Amino acid sequence: MEHEISDLTRQALQGPIAFEALERLVRTTALRIGSEVLETMLNSAEQPIHPSITLPDGTVASYAGKREKTFVCVLGDITLNETATRWIE
C-alpha cells in the first residue's frame, strides 16, 4: 500500500489526472480503515449472556448464540455480531 501511494504521489506531481487517482485512493483507504475501526469497536462490547430470562408478559427468552448482521453506512459495510434470542412459550 505504501509503495502504491508513493508511486501515485510521484505521478500526482506530474499532472491533474494522476492527482485524481491519488485522491480517490486516499478517500477509499480512509473509509475502509474507518469502517474497520468502527466495526471492531462495536463488536468488542461484551454483552452479558443469560441462559434465559422471563419477560414482563411471562414469555421466556433464551440465549440462542451470536449471529452476524451487515449494515451499510457512509463508511461502507459494517458487520456486527449481535446476540440472538429465541422465544419459548
Protein backbone atom coordinates (compact mmCIF):
# COMPACT_ATOMS: atom_id res chain seq x y z
CA MET A 1 0.00 0.00 0.00
CA GLU A 2 2.77 2.47 0.91
CA HIS A 3 4.59 1.73 -2.34
CA GLU A 4 1.38 2.32 -4.29
CA ILE A 5 0.78 5.65 -2.52
CA SER A 6 4.38 6.73 -3.16
CA ASP A 7 4.03 5.94 -6.86
CA LEU A 8 0.75 7.84 -7.09
CA THR A 9 2.21 10.80 -5.19
CA ARG A 10 5.08 10.96 -7.66
CA GLN A 11 2.63 10.79 -10.56
CA ALA A 12 0.38 13.43 -8.93
CA LEU A 13 3.25 15.93 -9.09
CA GLN A 14 3.27 15.48 -12.87
CA GLY A 15 -0.39 16.26 -13.67
CA PRO A 16 -4.02 16.54 -12.56
CA ILE A 17 -5.20 13.13 -13.79
CA ALA A 18 -2.81 11.25 -11.50
CA PHE A 19 -3.75 13.59 -8.64
CA GLU A 20 -7.38 12.47 -9.01
CA ALA A 21 -6.27 8.84 -8.74
CA LEU A 22 -4.28 9.65 -5.58
CA GLU A 23 -7.25 11.48 -4.08
CA ARG A 24 -9.54 8.53 -4.84
CA LEU A 25 -7.07 6.08 -3.29
CA VAL A 26 -6.71 8.17 -0.12
CA ARG A 27 -10.50 8.56 0.24
CA THR A 28 -11.19 4.86 -0.33
CA THR A 29 -8.46 3.80 2.09
CA ALA A 30 -9.61 6.22 4.80
CA LEU A 31 -13.21 4.99 4.55
CA ARG A 32 -12.15 1.34 4.65
CA ILE A 33 -9.95 1.87 7.70
CA GLY A 34 -12.69 3.91 9.40
CA SER A 35 -15.27 1.16 8.86
CA GLU A 36 -12.87 -1.48 10.22
CA VAL A 37 -12.21 0.60 13.36
CA LEU A 38 -15.93 1.22 13.93
CA GLU A 39 -16.76 -2.46 13.39
CA THR A 40 -14.07 -3.53 15.87
CA MET A 41 -15.24 -1.03 18.48
CA LEU A 42 -18.88 -2.04 18.21
CA ASN A 43 -18.12 -5.78 18.26
CA SER A 44 -15.77 -5.52 21.24
CA ALA A 45 -18.53 -4.55 23.66
CA GLU A 46 -19.16 -7.62 25.79
CA GLN A 47 -22.79 -8.33 26.48
CA PRO A 48 -23.76 -10.47 29.46
CA ILE A 49 -25.17 -13.84 28.40
CA HIS A 50 -28.06 -15.17 30.43
CA PRO A 51 -29.30 -18.72 29.74
CA SER A 52 -32.88 -17.44 29.80
CA ILE A 53 -34.88 -14.50 31.09
CA THR A 54 -38.57 -14.07 31.79
CA LEU A 55 -40.11 -11.02 30.17
CA PRO A 56 -42.81 -8.93 31.91
CA ASP A 57 -45.55 -10.64 29.89
CA GLY A 58 -44.40 -14.07 31.13
CA THR A 59 -42.73 -15.11 27.89
CA VAL A 60 -39.31 -16.71 28.33
CA ALA A 61 -36.44 -15.74 26.05
CA SER A 62 -33.37 -17.96 25.87
CA TYR A 63 -29.90 -17.28 24.50
CA ALA A 64 -29.52 -18.78 21.02
CA GLY A 65 -25.98 -17.67 20.21
CA LYS A 66 -24.47 -14.86 18.19
CA ARG A 67 -25.18 -14.01 14.58
CA GLU A 68 -23.66 -11.62 12.11
CA LYS A 69 -25.60 -8.82 10.52
CA THR A 70 -24.15 -6.47 7.94
CA PHE A 71 -25.17 -2.82 7.82
CA VAL A 72 -24.33 -0.26 5.17
CA CYS A 73 -23.21 3.14 6.46
CA VAL A 74 -21.34 6.10 4.98
CA LEU A 75 -18.04 4.36 5.78
CA GLY A 76 -19.04 1.19 3.96
CA ASP A 77 -20.32 -2.22 5.04
CA ILE A 78 -20.01 -2.99 8.76
CA THR A 79 -20.68 -6.49 10.11
CA LEU A 80 -21.86 -6.65 13.71
CA ASN A 81 -22.08 -9.72 15.92
CA GLU A 82 -25.33 -9.49 17.81
CA THR A 83 -26.90 -11.71 20.43
CA ALA A 84 -29.71 -13.83 19.09
CA THR A 85 -32.57 -14.94 21.31
CA ARG A 86 -35.45 -17.29 20.81
CA TRP A 87 -38.82 -17.09 22.46
CA ILE A 88 -40.14 -20.04 24.47
CA GLU A 89 -43.83 -20.18 25.14
